[in-house]
N, C-alpha and C. Protein backbone atom coordinates (compact mmCIF):
# COMPACT_ATOMS: atom_id res chain seq x y z
N MET A 1 31.76 -2.47 6.60
CA MET A 1 33.06 -1.81 6.56
C MET A 1 34.05 -2.68 7.33
N ASP A 2 35.10 -3.11 6.66
CA ASP A 2 36.10 -3.95 7.30
C ASP A 2 37.13 -3.09 8.02
N VAL A 3 37.39 -3.45 9.26
CA VAL A 3 38.38 -2.75 10.07
C VAL A 3 39.74 -3.39 9.81
N PRO A 4 40.77 -2.58 9.48
CA PRO A 4 42.08 -3.16 9.21
C PRO A 4 42.71 -3.77 10.47
N PRO A 5 43.58 -4.75 10.30
CA PRO A 5 44.25 -5.37 11.45
C PRO A 5 45.05 -4.34 12.24
N GLY A 6 45.00 -4.46 13.55
CA GLY A 6 45.73 -3.56 14.43
C GLY A 6 44.95 -2.32 14.83
N GLU A 7 43.78 -2.11 14.25
CA GLU A 7 42.96 -0.95 14.55
C GLU A 7 41.84 -1.32 15.51
N CYS A 8 41.36 -0.35 16.26
CA CYS A 8 40.25 -0.54 17.19
C CYS A 8 38.93 -0.47 16.40
N ARG A 9 38.06 -1.45 16.62
CA ARG A 9 36.77 -1.48 15.89
C ARG A 9 35.94 -0.24 16.17
N GLN A 10 35.85 0.15 17.43
CA GLN A 10 35.01 1.29 17.77
C GLN A 10 35.59 2.59 17.22
N CYS A 11 36.88 2.80 17.38
CA CYS A 11 37.51 4.02 16.86
C CYS A 11 37.33 4.12 15.35
N TRP A 12 37.54 3.01 14.67
CA TRP A 12 37.45 2.98 13.21
C TRP A 12 36.03 3.30 12.74
N THR A 13 35.03 2.62 13.32
CA THR A 13 33.66 2.86 12.86
C THR A 13 33.19 4.25 13.23
N HIS A 14 33.57 4.76 14.39
CA HIS A 14 33.15 6.10 14.76
C HIS A 14 33.85 7.17 13.93
N ALA A 15 35.02 6.86 13.39
CA ALA A 15 35.73 7.83 12.55
C ALA A 15 35.21 7.84 11.12
N TYR A 16 34.77 6.67 10.61
CA TYR A 16 34.44 6.57 9.19
C TYR A 16 32.96 6.38 8.89
N ASP A 17 32.13 6.11 9.89
CA ASP A 17 30.70 5.97 9.65
C ASP A 17 30.00 7.24 10.14
N LYS A 18 29.66 8.11 9.21
CA LYS A 18 29.10 9.43 9.56
C LYS A 18 27.73 9.34 10.21
N SER A 19 27.01 8.24 10.01
CA SER A 19 25.66 8.13 10.57
C SER A 19 25.67 8.01 12.09
N ILE A 20 26.78 7.58 12.67
CA ILE A 20 26.85 7.42 14.13
C ILE A 20 26.76 8.78 14.83
N HIS A 21 27.46 9.78 14.31
CA HIS A 21 27.49 11.09 14.96
C HIS A 21 26.49 12.09 14.37
N ARG A 22 25.71 11.66 13.41
CA ARG A 22 24.77 12.57 12.74
C ARG A 22 23.72 13.12 13.71
N ARG A 23 23.34 12.33 14.70
CA ARG A 23 22.28 12.75 15.64
C ARG A 23 22.77 13.74 16.70
N LEU A 24 24.09 13.95 16.79
CA LEU A 24 24.63 14.86 17.79
C LEU A 24 24.49 16.31 17.35
N ARG A 25 24.27 17.18 18.31
CA ARG A 25 24.20 18.62 18.02
C ARG A 25 25.62 19.16 17.84
N PRO A 26 25.77 20.34 17.27
CA PRO A 26 27.10 20.94 17.13
C PRO A 26 27.77 21.07 18.50
N ARG A 27 29.04 20.73 18.55
CA ARG A 27 29.87 20.79 19.75
C ARG A 27 29.46 19.80 20.85
N GLU A 28 28.58 18.86 20.54
CA GLU A 28 28.18 17.84 21.50
C GLU A 28 29.10 16.63 21.33
N ASP A 29 29.62 16.13 22.45
CA ASP A 29 30.50 14.97 22.41
C ASP A 29 29.70 13.68 22.37
N CYS A 30 30.23 12.71 21.66
CA CYS A 30 29.62 11.39 21.60
C CYS A 30 29.93 10.67 22.92
N PRO A 31 28.90 10.26 23.67
CA PRO A 31 29.16 9.61 24.97
C PRO A 31 29.97 8.32 24.84
N GLN A 32 29.78 7.56 23.77
CA GLN A 32 30.55 6.33 23.58
C GLN A 32 32.02 6.64 23.30
N CYS A 33 32.29 7.70 22.54
CA CYS A 33 33.67 8.08 22.25
C CYS A 33 34.37 8.58 23.52
N VAL A 34 33.68 9.38 24.31
CA VAL A 34 34.25 9.89 25.55
C VAL A 34 34.56 8.75 26.50
N ASP A 35 33.63 7.80 26.64
CA ASP A 35 33.86 6.64 27.50
C ASP A 35 35.04 5.82 26.98
N HIS A 36 35.13 5.68 25.69
CA HIS A 36 36.21 4.90 25.08
C HIS A 36 37.57 5.58 25.30
N MET A 37 37.60 6.92 25.24
CA MET A 37 38.85 7.64 25.48
C MET A 37 39.30 7.49 26.93
N LYS A 38 38.36 7.46 27.85
CA LYS A 38 38.70 7.33 29.27
C LYS A 38 39.14 5.91 29.63
N ASN A 39 38.46 4.90 29.07
CA ASN A 39 38.69 3.52 29.47
C ASN A 39 39.58 2.72 28.53
N GLY A 40 39.96 3.28 27.41
CA GLY A 40 40.87 2.59 26.49
C GLY A 40 40.17 1.67 25.53
N HIS A 41 40.97 0.99 24.73
CA HIS A 41 40.46 0.13 23.67
C HIS A 41 39.97 -1.21 24.18
N GLY A 42 40.62 -1.76 25.17
CA GLY A 42 40.21 -3.06 25.70
C GLY A 42 40.30 -4.15 24.66
N SER A 43 39.25 -4.90 24.47
CA SER A 43 39.27 -6.02 23.52
C SER A 43 38.72 -5.64 22.16
N HIS A 44 38.63 -4.35 21.88
CA HIS A 44 38.07 -3.88 20.60
C HIS A 44 39.09 -3.91 19.47
N VAL A 45 40.38 -4.13 19.76
CA VAL A 45 41.41 -4.07 18.73
C VAL A 45 41.40 -5.35 17.90
N VAL A 46 41.39 -5.17 16.58
CA VAL A 46 41.41 -6.30 15.66
C VAL A 46 42.84 -6.86 15.66
N PRO A 47 43.00 -8.17 15.86
CA PRO A 47 44.36 -8.73 15.91
C PRO A 47 45.08 -8.58 14.57
N LYS A 48 46.39 -8.32 14.66
CA LYS A 48 47.21 -8.20 13.45
C LYS A 48 47.54 -9.58 12.93
N ASN A 49 47.79 -9.63 11.63
CA ASN A 49 48.24 -10.88 11.02
C ASN A 49 49.67 -11.15 11.47
N LYS A 50 50.00 -12.42 11.62
CA LYS A 50 51.33 -12.78 12.05
C LYS A 50 52.35 -12.40 10.96
N SER A 51 53.42 -11.76 11.35
CA SER A 51 54.44 -11.32 10.41
C SER A 51 55.34 -12.49 10.00
N THR A 52 55.63 -12.57 8.73
CA THR A 52 56.52 -13.62 8.25
C THR A 52 57.91 -13.07 7.94
N TRP A 53 58.15 -11.84 8.29
CA TRP A 53 59.42 -11.19 7.98
C TRP A 53 60.57 -11.82 8.75
N TRP A 54 60.38 -12.10 10.01
CA TRP A 54 61.48 -12.63 10.84
C TRP A 54 61.31 -14.07 10.97
């Protein structure tokens, strides 16, 4: 699954790959998602393509 430019790799895969959260019980938080929300994206963001508009 290709992550679009400007998006966070971890956020994108955790949102669109259902197998990651399948093992969690109902109402159980994903520890990686919680850690990611607390600590931010860091270097997980895919760089955007350089704009040629300006």
